[in-house]
Amino acid sequence: MRAPRRIAINPDSDQARFVGTTHDGRQFFAVTCLTDDGSPRQHAEFRALYLFDARETLLEARIEEVTTRSGNVGEAIAALEAMVAELGGVTIERIMVKPFAVERFGLEFGLVVQRPTRQERAAGEDWLWVSLQPGDSMAFQAPFDSGEYDT
């Protein structure tokens, strides 16, 4: 199975609350990422704002670590709203972007293609996901242009 060239993200009231376009035609995606996977930075919280050009390629990744993980959803939403407000006029709408990965704080961030391990393939597993990293809080599967994801 081939990796997708691009992924659709539909805005919703959950993880994809802040998805859309800026007044100058860039696309954006703002999200909170949590690490709960046993990594060296376990239980860390990050806020990320990803900016893409009209060709759906990542232009910039603004990622900040939250110093105290509060678990307060309202606080996290307000912080993401502030990040998006810095972009100026935006429209919340469906976007199409290419998978990407960047390293920050010793972790991989982005919409990262995930494939079965060699052992899983040998056992007959044939799957492909694109997941939001770190934390794997959004997982996209074929058809990648649906805009739908699993949590």
N, C-alpha and C. Protein backbone atom coordinates (compact mmCIF):
# COMPACT_ATOMS: atom_id res chain seq x y z
N MET A 1 0.85 -1.17 0.00
CA MET A 1 0.00 0.00 0.00
C MET A 1 0.90 1.24 0.00
N ARG A 2 0.60 2.19 -0.87
CA ARG A 2 1.39 3.41 -0.98
C ARG A 2 0.92 4.47 0.01
N ALA A 3 1.89 5.23 0.48
CA ALA A 3 1.57 6.34 1.39
C ALA A 3 0.78 7.40 0.63
N PRO A 4 -0.15 8.05 1.30
CA PRO A 4 -0.94 9.09 0.63
C PRO A 4 -0.09 10.31 0.30
N ARG A 5 -0.43 10.95 -0.80
CA ARG A 5 0.27 12.19 -1.16
C ARG A 5 -0.29 13.36 -0.37
N ARG A 6 -1.56 13.23 0.04
CA ARG A 6 -2.17 14.30 0.82
C ARG A 6 -3.31 13.74 1.66
N ILE A 7 -3.67 14.52 2.68
CA ILE A 7 -4.70 14.12 3.64
C ILE A 7 -5.68 15.26 3.80
N ALA A 8 -6.95 14.93 3.84
CA ALA A 8 -7.98 15.94 4.11
C ALA A 8 -8.24 15.97 5.61
N ILE A 9 -8.48 17.17 6.13
CA ILE A 9 -8.90 17.32 7.52
C ILE A 9 -10.13 18.21 7.52
N ASN A 10 -11.23 17.64 7.98
CA ASN A 10 -12.47 18.40 8.11
C ASN A 10 -12.54 19.03 9.49
N PRO A 11 -12.94 20.28 9.60
CA PRO A 11 -13.09 20.86 10.93
C PRO A 11 -14.23 20.18 11.70
N ASP A 12 -14.06 20.08 12.99
CA ASP A 12 -15.10 19.49 13.85
C ASP A 12 -15.03 20.15 15.22
N SER A 13 -15.73 19.61 16.18
CA SER A 13 -15.72 20.18 17.53
C SER A 13 -14.77 19.45 18.46
N ASP A 14 -13.90 18.61 17.90
CA ASP A 14 -12.98 17.82 18.72
C ASP A 14 -11.53 18.24 18.39
N GLN A 15 -10.71 17.33 17.92
CA GLN A 15 -9.30 17.60 17.63
C GLN A 15 -9.09 18.57 16.47
N ALA A 16 -10.02 18.59 15.52
CA ALA A 16 -9.85 19.43 14.32
C ALA A 16 -10.68 20.71 14.41
N ARG A 17 -10.75 21.27 15.59
CA ARG A 17 -11.51 22.50 15.83
C ARG A 17 -10.91 23.70 15.09
N PHE A 18 -9.56 23.73 15.00
CA PHE A 18 -8.86 24.87 14.41
C PHE A 18 -8.15 24.44 13.12
N VAL A 19 -8.93 24.35 12.06
CA VAL A 19 -8.46 23.92 10.75
C VAL A 19 -9.05 24.88 9.73
N GLY A 20 -8.23 25.40 8.82
CA GLY A 20 -8.78 26.29 7.81
C GLY A 20 -7.75 27.01 7.00
N THR A 21 -8.15 28.19 6.50
CA THR A 21 -7.28 29.00 5.65
C THR A 21 -7.15 30.42 6.21
N THR A 22 -6.02 31.03 5.90
CA THR A 22 -5.78 32.41 6.30
C THR A 22 -6.23 33.34 5.18
N HIS A 23 -6.28 34.63 5.49
CA HIS A 23 -6.70 35.61 4.49
C HIS A 23 -5.78 35.64 3.27
N ASP A 24 -4.52 35.21 3.43
CA ASP A 24 -3.58 35.22 2.30
C ASP A 24 -3.44 33.86 1.60
N GLY A 25 -4.34 32.93 1.91
CA GLY A 25 -4.37 31.65 1.18
C GLY A 25 -3.60 30.51 1.79
N ARG A 26 -2.90 30.75 2.91
CA ARG A 26 -2.22 29.62 3.57
C ARG A 26 -3.26 28.77 4.28
N GLN A 27 -2.91 27.53 4.53
CA GLN A 27 -3.76 26.64 5.31
C GLN A 27 -3.13 26.50 6.70
N PHE A 28 -3.96 26.21 7.69
CA PHE A 28 -3.44 26.03 9.05
C PHE A 28 -4.17 24.91 9.75
N PHE A 29 -3.50 24.41 10.78
CA PHE A 29 -4.03 23.37 11.64
C PHE A 29 -3.40 23.60 13.00
N ALA A 30 -4.21 23.88 14.03
CA ALA A 30 -3.72 24.10 15.39
C ALA A 30 -4.29 23.00 16.28
N VAL A 31 -3.44 22.43 17.12
CA VAL A 31 -3.85 21.27 17.90
C VAL A 31 -3.00 21.15 19.17
N THR A 32 -3.56 20.48 20.16
CA THR A 32 -2.83 20.11 21.37
C THR A 32 -2.38 18.67 21.23
N CYS A 33 -1.13 18.41 21.57
CA CYS A 33 -0.58 17.05 21.52
C CYS A 33 -0.13 16.65 22.92
N LEU A 34 -0.46 15.43 23.31
CA LEU A 34 -0.09 14.90 24.62
C LEU A 34 0.75 13.65 24.42
N THR A 35 1.79 13.49 25.21
CA THR A 35 2.60 12.28 25.12
C THR A 35 2.27 11.38 26.29
N ASP A 36 1.69 10.26 25.98
CA ASP A 36 1.33 9.27 27.00
C ASP A 36 1.80 7.88 26.60
N ASP A 37 2.88 7.81 25.86
CA ASP A 37 3.29 6.56 25.24
C ASP A 37 4.54 5.95 25.84
N GLY A 38 4.95 6.38 26.99
CA GLY A 38 6.16 5.84 27.59
C GLY A 38 7.43 6.48 27.07
N SER A 39 7.31 7.55 26.31
CA SER A 39 8.49 8.22 25.79
C SER A 39 9.22 8.93 26.93
N PRO A 40 10.46 9.37 26.67
CA PRO A 40 11.20 10.09 27.72
C PRO A 40 10.47 11.35 28.20
N ARG A 41 9.59 11.88 27.39
CA ARG A 41 8.84 13.08 27.77
C ARG A 41 7.38 12.70 28.05
N GLN A 42 7.19 11.57 28.70
CA GLN A 42 5.85 11.10 29.00
C GLN A 42 5.07 12.15 29.79
N HIS A 43 3.81 12.29 29.45
CA HIS A 43 2.88 13.22 30.07
C HIS A 43 3.20 14.69 29.77
N ALA A 44 3.93 14.93 28.70
CA ALA A 44 4.17 16.31 28.28
C ALA A 44 2.99 16.77 27.42
N GLU A 45 2.76 18.07 27.41
CA GLU A 45 1.69 18.65 26.61
C GLU A 45 2.30 19.74 25.73
N PHE A 46 1.88 19.76 24.47
CA PHE A 46 2.38 20.72 23.51
C PHE A 46 1.21 21.34 22.76
N ARG A 47 1.40 22.57 22.34
CA ARG A 47 0.44 23.22 21.45
C ARG A 47 1.18 23.48 20.15
N ALA A 48 0.55 23.12 19.04
CA ALA A 48 1.20 23.26 17.75
C ALA A 48 0.29 23.99 16.77
N LEU A 49 0.90 24.87 16.00
CA LEU A 49 0.23 25.53 14.90
C LEU A 49 1.06 25.24 13.66
N TYR A 50 0.45 24.54 12.72
CA TYR A 50 1.12 24.18 11.48
C TYR A 50 0.56 25.05 10.36
N LEU A 51 1.46 25.62 9.57
CA LEU A 51 1.07 26.45 8.43
C LEU A 51 1.54 25.79 7.14
N PHE A 52 0.66 25.79 6.12
CA PHE A 52 0.93 25.15 4.84
C PHE A 52 0.73 26.14 3.71
N ASP A 53 1.47 25.96 2.62
CA ASP A 53 1.28 26.83 1.47
C ASP A 53 0.13 26.31 0.59
N ALA A 54 -0.12 27.00 -0.51
CA ALA A 54 -1.22 26.61 -1.40
C ALA A 54 -0.97 25.25 -2.05
N ARG A 55 0.27 24.80 -2.07
CA ARG A 55 0.59 23.47 -2.63
C ARG A 55 0.50 22.37 -1.57
N GLU A 56 -0.01 22.73 -0.40
CA GLU A 56 -0.28 21.78 0.69
C GLU A 56 0.97 21.32 1.43
N THR A 57 2.07 22.04 1.26
CA THR A 57 3.35 21.69 1.88
C THR A 57 3.55 22.50 3.15
N LEU A 58 4.09 21.85 4.17
CA LEU A 58 4.35 22.53 5.43
C LEU A 58 5.32 23.70 5.23
N LEU A 59 4.92 24.87 5.69
CA LEU A 59 5.77 26.06 5.66
C LEU A 59 6.44 26.29 7.01
N GLU A 60 5.67 26.09 8.08
CA GLU A 60 6.15 26.44 9.41
C GLU A 60 5.43 25.61 10.45
N ALA A 61 6.17 25.24 11.49
CA ALA A 61 5.59 24.54 12.64
C ALA A 61 5.92 25.34 13.88
N ARG A 62 4.91 25.94 14.48
CA ARG A 62 5.09 26.70 15.73
C ARG A 62 4.65 25.78 16.86
N ILE A 63 5.60 25.30 17.63
CA ILE A 63 5.30 24.32 18.67
C ILE A 63 5.82 24.83 19.99
N GLU A 64 4.95 24.83 20.99
CA GLU A 64 5.37 25.27 22.32
C GLU A 64 4.99 24.22 23.35
N GLU A 65 5.85 24.03 24.31
CA GLU A 65 5.55 23.08 25.39
C GLU A 65 4.78 23.81 26.47
N VAL A 66 3.74 23.15 26.96
CA VAL A 66 2.95 23.68 28.06
C VAL A 66 3.68 23.25 29.33
N THR A 67 4.04 24.21 30.16
CA THR A 67 4.89 23.89 31.31
C THR A 67 4.15 23.10 32.38
N THR A 68 2.87 23.34 32.53
CA THR A 68 2.08 22.60 33.51
C THR A 68 0.87 22.01 32.81
N ARG A 69 0.80 20.70 32.75
CA ARG A 69 -0.31 20.03 32.10
C ARG A 69 -1.51 20.07 33.03
N SER A 70 -2.47 20.90 32.68
CA SER A 70 -3.60 21.11 33.58
C SER A 70 -4.75 20.15 33.32
N GLY A 71 -4.89 19.70 32.08
CA GLY A 71 -6.03 18.86 31.75
C GLY A 71 -7.29 19.68 31.56
N ASN A 72 -7.18 20.99 31.63
CA ASN A 72 -8.32 21.88 31.47
C ASN A 72 -8.56 22.12 29.98
N VAL A 73 -9.63 21.53 29.45
CA VAL A 73 -9.93 21.63 28.03
C VAL A 73 -10.19 23.07 27.62
N GLY A 74 -10.92 23.81 28.42
CA GLY A 74 -11.21 25.20 28.11
C GLY A 74 -9.95 26.04 27.99
N GLU A 75 -9.00 25.79 28.87
CA GLU A 75 -7.72 26.51 28.84
C GLU A 75 -6.95 26.18 27.56
N ALA A 76 -6.95 24.91 27.19
CA ALA A 76 -6.25 24.48 25.97
C ALA A 76 -6.89 25.11 24.73
N ILE A 77 -8.22 25.14 24.68
CA ILE A 77 -8.92 25.74 23.54
C ILE A 77 -8.62 27.23 23.45
N ALA A 78 -8.62 27.92 24.57
CA ALA A 78 -8.32 29.36 24.58
C ALA A 78 -6.90 29.62 24.08
N ALA A 79 -5.95 28.77 24.47
CA ALA A 79 -4.57 28.95 24.02
C ALA A 79 -4.46 28.73 22.51
N LEU A 80 -5.16 27.73 21.99
CA LEU A 80 -5.15 27.50 20.55
C LEU A 80 -5.83 28.65 19.81
N GLU A 81 -6.92 29.15 20.37
CA GLU A 81 -7.60 30.32 19.76
C GLU A 81 -6.64 31.49 19.66
N ALA A 82 -5.83 31.70 20.68
CA ALA A 82 -4.88 32.81 20.67
C ALA A 82 -3.82 32.61 19.59
N MET A 83 -3.35 31.37 19.42
CA MET A 83 -2.38 31.08 18.37
C MET A 83 -2.96 31.38 16.99
N VAL A 84 -4.20 30.95 16.78
CA VAL A 84 -4.86 31.16 15.49
C VAL A 84 -5.15 32.65 15.28
N ALA A 85 -5.52 33.37 16.33
CA ALA A 85 -5.81 34.80 16.21
C ALA A 85 -4.59 35.58 15.70
N GLU A 86 -3.39 35.12 16.03
CA GLU A 86 -2.18 35.78 15.56
C GLU A 86 -2.05 35.74 14.03
N LEU A 87 -2.79 34.83 13.39
CA LEU A 87 -2.74 34.73 11.92
C LEU A 87 -3.56 35.81 11.24
N GLY A 88 -4.37 36.52 12.00
CA GLY A 88 -5.27 37.52 11.39
C GLY A 88 -6.56 36.84 10.98
N GLY A 89 -7.20 37.35 9.95
CA GLY A 89 -8.47 36.77 9.50
C GLY A 89 -8.31 35.35 8.99
N VAL A 90 -9.11 34.45 9.53
CA VAL A 90 -9.08 33.06 9.10
C VAL A 90 -10.50 32.57 8.80
N THR A 91 -10.57 31.53 8.01
CA THR A 91 -11.82 30.84 7.74
C THR A 91 -11.66 29.40 8.19
N ILE A 92 -12.55 28.94 9.04
CA ILE A 92 -12.52 27.53 9.46
C ILE A 92 -13.17 26.73 8.34
N GLU A 93 -12.38 25.81 7.76
CA GLU A 93 -12.86 25.00 6.65
C GLU A 93 -11.93 23.82 6.42
N ARG A 94 -12.38 22.92 5.59
CA ARG A 94 -11.63 21.72 5.23
C ARG A 94 -10.30 22.12 4.57
N ILE A 95 -9.25 21.38 4.92
CA ILE A 95 -7.95 21.59 4.28
C ILE A 95 -7.44 20.26 3.72
N MET A 96 -6.50 20.36 2.79
CA MET A 96 -5.79 19.22 2.24
C MET A 96 -4.30 19.51 2.41
N VAL A 97 -3.57 18.61 3.07
CA VAL A 97 -2.14 18.82 3.32
C VAL A 97 -1.36 17.54 3.08
N LYS A 98 -0.08 17.70 2.83
CA LYS A 98 0.81 16.56 2.65
C LYS A 98 1.28 16.07 4.02
N PRO A 99 1.47 14.75 4.17
CA PRO A 99 2.06 14.25 5.42
C PRO A 99 3.40 14.94 5.66
N PHE A 100 3.76 15.11 6.93
CA PHE A 100 5.01 15.79 7.27
C PHE A 100 5.45 15.38 8.66
N ALA A 101 6.72 15.62 8.92
CA ALA A 101 7.27 15.38 10.26
C ALA A 101 8.37 16.40 10.52
N VAL A 102 8.38 16.91 11.74
CA VAL A 102 9.45 17.81 12.21
C VAL A 102 9.85 17.34 13.60
N GLU A 103 11.09 17.60 13.97
CA GLU A 103 11.55 17.23 15.30
C GLU A 103 11.68 18.48 16.17
N ARG A 104 11.08 18.40 17.33
CA ARG A 104 11.19 19.45 18.33
C ARG A 104 11.18 18.77 19.70
N PHE A 105 11.89 19.35 20.65
CA PHE A 105 11.91 18.83 22.03
C PHE A 105 12.29 17.35 22.07
N GLY A 106 13.06 16.88 21.08
CA GLY A 106 13.46 15.48 21.03
C GLY A 106 12.35 14.53 20.61
N LEU A 107 11.25 15.08 20.07
CA LEU A 107 10.11 14.27 19.66
C LEU A 107 9.76 14.55 18.20
N GLU A 108 9.10 13.60 17.58
CA GLU A 108 8.61 13.78 16.22
C GLU A 108 7.19 14.34 16.28
N PHE A 109 6.97 15.45 15.57
CA PHE A 109 5.67 16.10 15.47
C PHE A 109 5.21 16.04 14.03
N GLY A 110 3.91 16.01 13.84
CA GLY A 110 3.37 16.12 12.49
C GLY A 110 2.31 15.08 12.19
N LEU A 111 1.96 15.02 10.92
CA LEU A 111 1.07 13.99 10.39
C LEU A 111 1.97 12.97 9.72
N VAL A 112 2.26 11.90 10.45
CA VAL A 112 3.32 10.97 10.11
C VAL A 112 2.74 9.66 9.59
N VAL A 113 3.29 9.18 8.47
CA VAL A 113 2.85 7.91 7.89
C VAL A 113 3.32 6.77 8.80
N GLN A 114 2.39 5.90 9.15
CA GLN A 114 2.67 4.74 10.00
C GLN A 114 2.39 3.47 9.20
N ARG A 115 3.33 2.55 9.20
CA ARG A 115 3.20 1.28 8.48
C ARG A 115 3.35 0.11 9.45
N PRO A 116 2.85 -1.07 9.06
CA PRO A 116 3.06 -2.24 9.92
C PRO A 116 4.54 -2.60 9.99
N THR A 117 4.95 -3.17 11.10
CA THR A 117 6.33 -3.64 11.24
C THR A 117 6.55 -4.83 10.33
N ARG A 118 7.79 -5.21 10.17
CA ARG A 118 8.12 -6.39 9.36
C ARG A 118 7.40 -7.62 9.90
N GLN A 119 7.37 -7.76 11.22
CA GLN A 119 6.69 -8.91 11.83
C GLN A 119 5.19 -8.88 11.53
N GLU A 120 4.59 -7.70 11.63
CA GLU A 120 3.16 -7.58 11.35
C GLU A 120 2.85 -7.90 9.88
N ARG A 121 3.73 -7.43 8.97
CA ARG A 121 3.53 -7.76 7.55
C ARG A 121 3.66 -9.26 7.32
N ALA A 122 4.63 -9.89 7.98
CA ALA A 122 4.82 -11.34 7.85
C ALA A 122 3.60 -12.10 8.35
N ALA A 123 2.89 -11.51 9.32
CA ALA A 123 1.69 -12.14 9.87
C ALA A 123 0.45 -11.81 9.02
N GLY A 124 0.65 -11.12 7.90
CA GLY A 124 -0.46 -10.84 7.00
C GLY A 124 -1.14 -9.50 7.19
N GLU A 125 -0.62 -8.70 8.10
CA GLU A 125 -1.24 -7.39 8.32
C GLU A 125 -0.81 -6.42 7.23
N ASP A 126 -1.79 -5.75 6.66
CA ASP A 126 -1.52 -4.78 5.60
C ASP A 126 -2.37 -3.55 5.87
N TRP A 127 -1.81 -2.58 6.57
CA TRP A 127 -2.53 -1.37 6.90
C TRP A 127 -1.60 -0.18 6.74
N LEU A 128 -2.17 0.97 6.65
CA LEU A 128 -1.41 2.21 6.54
C LEU A 128 -2.23 3.30 7.21
N TRP A 129 -1.62 4.02 8.10
CA TRP A 129 -2.25 5.13 8.80
C TRP A 129 -1.39 6.37 8.65
N VAL A 130 -1.99 7.50 8.82
CA VAL A 130 -1.26 8.75 9.02
C VAL A 130 -1.74 9.25 10.36
N SER A 131 -0.83 9.40 11.31
CA SER A 131 -1.26 9.77 12.65
C SER A 131 -0.60 11.07 13.11
N LEU A 132 -1.35 11.80 13.92
CA LEU A 132 -0.84 13.03 14.51
C LEU A 132 0.12 12.65 15.63
N GLN A 133 1.33 13.11 15.52
CA GLN A 133 2.37 12.82 16.51
C GLN A 133 2.83 14.11 17.16
N PRO A 134 3.27 14.07 18.40
CA PRO A 134 3.29 12.89 19.26
C PRO A 134 1.91 12.63 19.86
N GLY A 135 1.75 11.45 20.38
CA GLY A 135 0.54 11.11 21.10
C GLY A 135 -0.49 10.33 20.32
N ASP A 136 -0.37 10.32 18.99
CA ASP A 136 -1.27 9.52 18.16
C ASP A 136 -2.74 9.80 18.46
N SER A 137 -3.10 11.08 18.62
CA SER A 137 -4.47 11.43 19.00
C SER A 137 -5.43 11.52 17.82
N MET A 138 -4.90 11.53 16.61
CA MET A 138 -5.72 11.51 15.40
C MET A 138 -5.07 10.50 14.46
N ALA A 139 -5.88 9.60 13.90
CA ALA A 139 -5.34 8.60 12.98
C ALA A 139 -6.22 8.56 11.74
N PHE A 140 -5.61 8.84 10.60
CA PHE A 140 -6.31 8.86 9.32
C PHE A 140 -5.98 7.58 8.56
N GLN A 141 -6.98 7.03 7.89
CA GLN A 141 -6.76 5.85 7.06
C GLN A 141 -7.48 6.06 5.73
N ALA A 142 -7.22 5.18 4.79
CA ALA A 142 -7.84 5.30 3.46
C ALA A 142 -9.35 5.23 3.60
N PRO A 143 -10.07 5.99 2.81
CA PRO A 143 -9.56 6.95 1.82
C PRO A 143 -9.11 8.23 2.51
N PHE A 144 -7.91 8.66 2.21
CA PHE A 144 -7.30 9.80 2.90
C PHE A 144 -7.90 11.14 2.53
N ASP A 145 -8.77 11.17 1.53
CA ASP A 145 -9.43 12.42 1.17
C ASP A 145 -10.82 12.55 1.81
N SER A 146 -11.13 11.64 2.74
CA SER A 146 -12.44 11.68 3.41
C SER A 146 -12.52 12.80 4.45
N GLY A 147 -11.38 13.16 5.04
CA GLY A 147 -11.37 14.15 6.11
C GLY A 147 -11.73 13.57 7.47
N GLU A 148 -12.02 12.29 7.52
CA GLU A 148 -12.40 11.63 8.77
C GLU A 148 -11.18 11.01 9.44
N TYR A 149 -11.22 10.90 10.76
CA TYR A 149 -10.13 10.33 11.52
C TYR A 149 -10.67 9.57 12.72
N ASP A 150 -9.82 8.70 13.27
CA ASP A 150 -10.13 7.98 14.51
C ASP A 150 -9.30 8.61 15.62
N THR A 151 -9.81 8.49 16.85
CA THR A 151 -9.06 9.01 18.01
C THR A 151 -8.59 7.86 18.88
